[in-house]
C-alpha atoms as a PDB file:
ATOM      1  CA  MET A   1       0.119  17.075   2.511  1.00  0.00           C
ATOM      2  CA  THR A   2      -0.787  13.411   1.960  1.00  0.00           C
ATOM      3  CA  GLU A   3      -0.380  10.867   4.831  1.00  0.00           C
ATOM      4  CA  THR A   4      -0.530   7.215   4.742  1.00  0.00           C
ATOM      5  CA  LEU A   5      -0.774   5.560   7.997  1.00  0.00           C
ATOM      6  CA  VAL A   6      -0.127   2.072   9.130  1.00  0.00           C
ATOM      7  CA  THR A   7       0.023   0.253  12.632  1.00  0.00           C
ATOM      8  CA  SER A   8       0.942  -3.495  13.463  1.00  0.00           C
ATOM      9  CA  ARG A   9       0.157  -5.754  16.173  1.00  0.00           C
ATOM     10  CA  LEU A  10       3.278  -7.587  15.608  1.00  0.00           C
ATOM     11  CA  GLY A  11       5.600  -7.278  18.438  1.00  0.00           C
ATOM     12  CA  ARG A  12       9.148  -7.846  16.757  1.00  0.00           C
ATOM     13  CA  GLU A  13      12.503  -7.271  18.015  1.00  0.00           C
ATOM     14  CA  THR A  14      13.661  -5.108  15.232  1.00  0.00           C
ATOM     15  CA  ILE A  15      11.153  -2.343  14.815  1.00  0.00           C
ATOM     16  CA  PRO A  16       8.955  -1.897  17.941  1.00  0.00           C
ATOM     17  CA  VAL A  17       5.443  -1.865  16.052  1.00  0.00           C
ATOM     18  CA  SER A  18       3.016  -3.141  19.092  1.00  0.00           C
ATOM     19  CA  THR A  19       2.449   0.491  20.427  1.00  0.00           C
ATOM     20  CA  TYR A  20       3.528   2.802  17.580  1.00  0.00           C
ATOM     21  CA  LEU A  21       1.834   4.445  14.607  1.00  0.00           C
ATOM     22  CA  TYR A  22       3.856   4.775  11.383  1.00  0.00           C
ATOM     23  CA  VAL A  23       2.964   7.501   9.008  1.00  0.00           C
ATOM     24  CA  ALA A  24       4.279   8.094   5.267  1.00  0.00           C
ATOM     25  CA  GLY A  25       4.724  11.686   5.372  1.00  0.00           C
ATOM     26  CA  THR A  26       4.701  12.460   1.809  1.00  0.00           C
ATOM     27  CA  GLY A  27       5.338  16.164   1.541  1.00  0.00           C
ATOM     28  CA  ALA A  28       7.914  15.801   4.225  1.00  0.00           C
ATOM     29  CA  ASN A  29       9.760  13.150   2.684  1.00  0.00           C
ATOM     30  CA  ARG A  30       9.985  10.764   5.605  1.00  0.00           C
ATOM     31  CA  VAL A  31       8.335   8.040   7.910  1.00  0.00           C
ATOM     32  CA  ALA A  32       7.417   9.300  11.325  1.00  0.00           C
ATOM     33  CA  ARG A  33       6.547   7.452  14.335  1.00  0.00           C
ATOM     34  CA  VAL A  34       3.996   8.583  16.486  1.00  0.00           C
ATOM     35  CA  SER A  35       4.056   7.065  20.186  1.00  0.00           C
ATOM     36  CA  PRO A  36       1.401   6.264  22.345  1.00  0.00           C
ATOM     37  CA  GLU A  37       1.288   9.571  24.173  1.00  0.00           C
ATOM     38  CA  GLY A  38       1.275  11.371  20.763  1.00  0.00           C
ATOM     39  CA  SER A  39       4.805  12.231  20.403  1.00  0.00           C
ATOM     40  CA  VAL A  40       5.950  12.392  16.879  1.00  0.00           C
ATOM     41  CA  SER A  41       9.406  12.010  15.824  1.00  0.00           C
ATOM     42  CA  THR A  42      11.163  11.122  12.321  1.00  0.00           C
ATOM     43  CA  TYR A  43      11.735   7.335  11.901  1.00  0.00           C
ATOM     44  CA  ILE A  44      13.313   7.238   8.326  1.00  0.00           C
ATOM     45  CA  PRO A  45      14.251  10.627   6.928  1.00  0.00           C
ATOM     46  CA  GLY A  46      15.432  11.395   3.519  1.00  0.00           C
ATOM     47  CA  LEU A  47      12.821   9.601   1.341  1.00  0.00           C
ATOM     48  CA  ASN A  48      11.538  10.281  -2.209  1.00  0.00           C
ATOM     49  CA  VAL A  49       8.016  11.000  -1.840  1.00  0.00           C
ATOM     50  CA  PRO A  50       7.014   7.959   0.198  1.00  0.00           C
ATOM     51  CA  VAL A  51       3.471   7.299  -0.588  1.00  0.00           C
ATOM     52  CA  ASP A  52       2.653   3.802   1.042  1.00  0.00           C
ATOM     53  CA  LEU A  53       4.093   1.796   3.853  1.00  0.00           C
ATOM     54  CA  VAL A  54       2.982  -1.751   5.244  1.00  0.00           C
ATOM     55  CA  PHE A  55       4.257  -4.228   7.609  1.00  0.00           C
ATOM     56  CA  HIS A  56       5.201  -7.463   5.878  1.00  0.00           C
ATOM     57  CA  PRO A  57       4.106 -10.923   7.581  1.00  0.00           C
ATOM     58  CA  ASN A  58       7.898 -11.221   8.902  1.00  0.00           C
ATOM     59  CA  GLY A  59       7.754  -8.042  10.631  1.00  0.00           C
ATOM     60  CA  GLU A  60       9.794  -5.817   8.065  1.00  0.00           C
ATOM     61  CA  LEU A  61       8.514  -2.364   7.288  1.00  0.00           C
ATOM     62  CA  PHE A  62       8.117  -1.886   3.613  1.00  0.00           C
ATOM     63  CA  VAL A  63       8.149   1.699   2.047  1.00  0.00           C
ATOM     64  CA  CYS A  64       6.933   2.367  -1.493  1.00  0.00           C
ATOM     65  CA  GLU A  65       8.414   5.905  -2.867  1.00  0.00           C
ATOM     66  CA  LEU A  66       6.594   7.596  -5.691  1.00  0.00           C
ATOM     67  CA  SER A  67       9.252   9.316  -7.451  1.00  0.00           C
ATOM     68  CA  ALA A  68      12.183   7.095  -6.748  1.00  0.00           C
ATOM     69  CA  GLY A  69      10.325   4.224  -8.021  1.00  0.00           C
ATOM     70  CA  THR A  70      11.688   1.738  -5.330  1.00  0.00           C
ATOM     71  CA  VAL A  71       9.932  -0.546  -2.652  1.00  0.00           C
ATOM     72  CA  THR A  72      12.261  -0.586   0.357  1.00  0.00           C
ATOM     73  CA  SER A  73      12.516  -2.985   3.254  1.00  0.00           C
ATOM     74  CA  TYR A  74      13.397  -1.666   6.679  1.00  0.00           C
ATOM     75  CA  LYS A  75      14.396  -4.402   9.427  1.00  0.00           C
ATOM     76  CA  SER A  76      14.955  -1.423  11.622  1.00  0.00           C
ATOM     77  CA  ALA A  77      15.472   2.108  10.587  1.00  0.00           C
ATOM     78  CA  LYS A  78      19.146   1.551   9.475  1.00  0.00           C
ATOM     79  CA  LYS A  79      18.971  -1.809   8.112  1.00  0.00           C
ATOM     80  CA  VAL A  80      17.841  -1.388   4.617  1.00  0.00           C
ATOM     81  CA  GLU A  81      17.419  -3.237   1.770  1.00  0.00           C
ATOM     82  CA  VAL A  82      15.656  -2.195  -1.573  1.00  0.00           C
ATOM     83  CA  VAL A  83      13.671  -5.040  -3.073  1.00  0.00           C
ATOM     84  CA  ALA A  84      12.209  -3.503  -5.996  1.00  0.00           C
ATOM     85  CA  SER A  85      13.543  -0.546  -8.249  1.00  0.00           C
ATOM     86  CA  SER A  86      13.531   1.162 -11.541  1.00  0.00           C
ATOM     87  CA  LEU A  87       9.722   1.227 -11.654  1.00  0.00           C
ATOM     88  CA  ASP A  88       7.327   3.895 -12.930  1.00  0.00           C
ATOM     89  CA  LYS A  89       5.909   5.910 -10.255  1.00  0.00           C
ATOM     90  CA  LEU A  90       4.831   3.440  -7.727  1.00  0.00           C
ATOM     91  CA  HIS A  91       1.569   3.919  -5.671  1.00  0.00           C
ATOM     92  CA  GLY A  92       0.095   1.064  -3.500  1.00  0.00           C
ATOM     93  CA  LEU A  93       1.721  -1.922  -1.766  1.00  0.00           C
ATOM     94  CA  ALA A  94       0.054  -5.327  -0.243  1.00  0.00           C
ATOM     95  CA  PHE A  95       1.010  -8.801   1.056  1.00  0.00           C
ATOM     96  CA  ASP A  96      -0.959 -11.882   0.657  1.00  0.00           C
ATOM     97  CA  HIS A  97      -0.965 -14.427   3.769  1.00  0.00           C
ATOM     98  CA  ALA A  98       2.199 -16.122   2.303  1.00  0.00           C
ATOM     99  CA  GLY A  99       4.227 -12.905   2.191  1.00  0.00           C
ATOM    100  CA  VAL A 100       3.924 -12.342  -1.655  1.00  0.00           C
ATOM    101  CA  THR A 101       4.238  -8.504  -2.704  1.00  0.00           C
ATOM    102  CA  TYR A 102       1.765  -6.780  -4.921  1.00  0.00           C
ATOM    103  CA  ILE A 103       2.625  -3.537  -6.200  1.00  0.00           C
ATOM    104  CA  ASN A 104       0.918  -0.823  -8.320  1.00  0.00           C
ATOM    105  CA  GLU A 105       3.033   0.863 -11.005  1.00  0.00           C
ATOM    106  CA  TRP A 106       1.009   3.857 -11.265  1.00  0.00           C
ATOM    107  CA  SER A 107       2.608   5.449 -14.480  1.00  0.00           C
ATOM    108  CA  GLY A 108       3.326   2.097 -16.060  1.00  0.00           C
ATOM    109  CA  ASN A 109      -0.670   1.244 -15.431  1.00  0.00           C
ATOM    110  CA  ARG A 110       0.512  -2.276 -14.298  1.00  0.00           C
ATOM    111  CA  VAL A 111      -0.336  -4.228 -11.111  1.00  0.00           C
ATOM    112  CA  LEU A 112       2.865  -6.420 -10.343  1.00  0.00           C
ATOM    113  CA  ARG A 113       3.351  -9.490  -8.482  1.00  0.00           C
ATOM    114  CA  MET A 114       6.773  -9.800  -6.736  1.00  0.00           C
ATOM    115  CA  ASP A 115       7.773 -13.482  -5.276  1.00  0.00           C
ATOM    116  CA  ARG A 116       9.987 -14.128  -2.536  1.00  0.00           C
ATOM    117  CA  GLU A 117      12.947 -14.144  -4.639  1.00  0.00           C
ATOM    118  CA  GLY A 118      12.639 -10.672  -5.860  1.00  0.00           C
ATOM    119  CA  ARG A 119      11.192 -11.816  -9.449  1.00  0.00           C
ATOM    120  CA  LEU A 120       8.473  -9.362 -10.717  1.00  0.00           C
ATOM    121  CA  GLN A 121       5.728 -10.379 -13.163  1.00  0.00           C
ATOM    122  CA  THR A 122       2.600  -8.370 -14.345  1.00  0.00           C
ATOM    123  CA  VAL A 123      -0.639  -9.476 -12.923  1.00  0.00           C
ATOM    124  CA  ALA A 124      -2.958  -7.060 -15.096  1.00  0.00           C
ATOM    125  CA  ILE A 125      -2.866  -4.124 -16.822  1.00  0.00           C
ATOM    126  CA  VAL A 126      -5.009  -1.240 -14.756  1.00  0.00           C
ATOM    127  CA  GLU A 127      -5.435   2.245 -15.520  1.00  0.00           C
ATOM    128  CA  ASP A 128      -3.676   4.506 -13.166  1.00  0.00           C
ATOM    129  CA  PRO A 129      -3.676   2.282 -10.228  1.00  0.00           C
ATOM    130  CA  VAL A 130      -3.634   3.945  -6.665  1.00  0.00           C
ATOM    131  CA  GLY A 131      -3.893   2.015  -3.679  1.00  0.00           C
ATOM    132  CA  ILE A 132      -4.276  -2.012  -3.526  1.00  0.00           C
ATOM    133  CA  ALA A 133      -5.811  -4.229  -0.912  1.00  0.00           C
ATOM    134  CA  ILE A 134      -6.314  -7.910  -0.867  1.00  0.00           C
ATOM    135  CA  GLY A 135      -9.495  -9.768   0.029  1.00  0.00           C
ATOM    136  CA  LYS A 136     -10.061 -13.043   1.848  1.00  0.00           C
ATOM    137  CA  SER A 137     -10.586 -14.582  -1.509  1.00  0.00           C
ATOM    138  CA  GLY A 138      -6.814 -13.804  -2.610  1.00  0.00           C
ATOM    139  CA  ASP A 139      -8.341 -11.021  -5.217  1.00  0.00           C
ATOM    140  CA  LEU A 140      -6.943  -7.889  -5.601  1.00  0.00           C
ATOM    141  CA  TYR A 141      -8.833  -4.527  -5.032  1.00  0.00           C
ATOM    142  CA  VAL A 142      -7.619  -1.723  -6.863  1.00  0.00           C
ATOM    143  CA  ALA A 143      -8.509   2.086  -6.871  1.00  0.00           C
ATOM    144  CA  GLN A 144      -8.512   4.058 -10.304  1.00  0.00           C
ATOM    145  CA  PRO A 145      -8.958   7.762  -9.350  1.00  0.00           C
ATOM    146  CA  GLN A 146      -9.012   8.946 -12.881  1.00  0.00           C
ATOM    147  CA  ALA A 147     -11.399   6.147 -14.291  1.00  0.00           C
ATOM    148  CA  GLY A 148     -13.453   7.104 -10.944  1.00  0.00           C
ATOM    149  CA  LYS A 149     -13.915   3.271 -10.031  1.00  0.00           C
ATOM    150  CA  VAL A 150     -12.572   0.386  -8.070  1.00  0.00           C
ATOM    151  CA  SER A 151     -11.791  -2.822  -9.796  1.00  0.00           C
ATOM    152  CA  ARG A 152     -11.408  -6.429  -8.520  1.00  0.00           C
ATOM    153  CA  VAL A 153      -8.489  -7.992 -10.286  1.00  0.00           C
ATOM    154  CA  LYS A 154      -7.988 -11.986 -10.207  1.00  0.00           C
ATOM    155  CA  LEU A 155      -4.496 -13.531 -10.113  1.00  0.00           C
ATOM    156  CA  ASP A 156      -5.036 -14.643 -13.851  1.00  0.00           C
ATOM    157  CA  GLY A 157      -5.455 -10.997 -14.633  1.00  0.00           C
ATOM    158  CA  THR A 158      -9.208 -10.827 -15.062  1.00  0.00           C
ATOM    159  CA  ARG A 159     -10.673  -7.451 -14.068  1.00  0.00           C
ATOM    160  CA  ILE A 160     -14.103  -6.755 -12.933  1.00  0.00           C
ATOM    161  CA  THR A 161     -15.484  -3.375 -12.181  1.00  0.00           C
ATOM    162  CA  LEU A 162     -16.536  -3.376  -8.427  1.00  0.00           C
ATOM    163  CA  ILE A 163     -18.027   0.194  -8.036  1.00  0.00           C
ATOM    164  CA  GLU A 164     -18.080   3.153 -10.449  1.00  0.00           C
ATOM    165  CA  ARG A 165     -18.944   6.609 -10.836  1.00  0.00           C
ATOM    166  CA  LEU A 166     -17.003   7.576  -7.910  1.00  0.00           C
ATOM    167  CA  ASN A 167     -14.987  10.803  -7.319  1.00  0.00           C
ATOM    168  CA  GLU A 168     -11.267  10.245  -7.278  1.00  0.00           C
ATOM    169  CA  PRO A 169     -11.294   6.789  -5.347  1.00  0.00           C
ATOM    170  CA  ARG A 170      -7.950   5.968  -3.523  1.00  0.00           C
ATOM    171  CA  ASP A 171      -6.224   3.569  -1.332  1.00  0.00           C
ATOM    172  CA  PRO A 172      -8.740   0.630  -0.584  1.00  0.00           C
ATOM    173  CA  ALA A 173      -8.279  -1.263   2.736  1.00  0.00           C
ATOM    174  CA  PHE A 174     -10.234  -4.098   4.492  1.00  0.00           C
ATOM    175  CA  ASP A 175     -10.946  -4.144   8.170  1.00  0.00           C
ATOM    176  CA  GLU A 176     -10.533  -7.624  10.395  1.00  0.00           C
ATOM    177  CA  ALA A 177     -14.403  -8.244   9.533  1.00  0.00           C
ATOM    178  CA  GLY A 178     -13.808  -8.093   5.848  1.00  0.00           C
ATOM    179  CA  ASN A 179     -15.428  -4.918   5.032  1.00  0.00           C
ATOM    180  CA  LEU A 180     -13.762  -2.683   2.387  1.00  0.00           C
ATOM    181  CA  PHE A 181     -13.245   0.853   2.726  1.00  0.00           C
ATOM    182  CA  VAL A 182     -12.177   3.331  -0.085  1.00  0.00           C
ATOM    183  CA  ALA A 183     -11.162   6.994   0.413  1.00  0.00           C
ATOM    184  CA  GLU A 184     -13.268   9.034  -2.251  1.00  0.00           C
ATOM    185  CA  THR A 185     -10.825  12.088  -2.218  1.00  0.00           C
ATOM    186  CA  GLY A 186     -13.074  14.306  -4.645  1.00  0.00           C
ATOM    187  CA  THR A 187     -16.011  14.403  -1.911  1.00  0.00           C
ATOM    188  CA  GLY A 188     -13.942  13.868   1.202  1.00  0.00           C
ATOM    189  CA  ARG A 189     -15.843  10.647   2.147  1.00  0.00           C
ATOM    190  CA  ILE A 190     -14.843   7.271   3.305  1.00  0.00           C
ATOM    191  CA  LEU A 191     -17.054   4.654   1.711  1.00  0.00           C
ATOM    192  CA  LYS A 192     -17.769   1.218   3.419  1.00  0.00           C
ATOM    193  CA  MET A 193     -18.680  -1.543   1.196  1.00  0.00           C
ATOM    194  CA  THR A 194     -19.801  -5.132   2.296  1.00  0.00           C
ATOM    195  CA  GLY A 195     -19.867  -8.434   0.579  1.00  0.00           C
ATOM    196  CA  ASP A 196     -18.074 -11.633  -0.451  1.00  0.00           C
ATOM    197  CA  PHE A 197     -14.381 -10.058  -1.106  1.00  0.00           C
END
């Protein structure tokens, strides 16, 4: 079973995120919530292959469902809004500091930008994108497992190969210090990269 984890330090009234860990349970079709004591409960049931989740700067939880082709916003477990739909197998979700949403359309081979009015536009054509992160520069970092590389994508659509000859890289992420981490699933390794991202 593939799982994606997310934590947040935002103490919002709607979703109690300051002390809980949230897990996208792909095989179980749910978002689970893990308490500080380690107790696991179903927070959002009945999803359609959730693969990514992340907290928006406004505190809402966004969930990306691979098979449904949707991105859904949760103000709470019951306050729901579909913010993007009818897309082709989504696999990657990130926000910039202004709250603009970036989405990987895996089967569509596109990285999409969604503004705050919900309008979508293609940023770049990228082969089989799986996972997306935003560096301090504002550039996008996209893993491409079938191509065996991670690409740096500028907002004008320019693509640069950051690292290649990897074995199924997925789901890049930055820590607070700006280091880039990539899961190399074909070898079972987590790679750490330093540099000006």
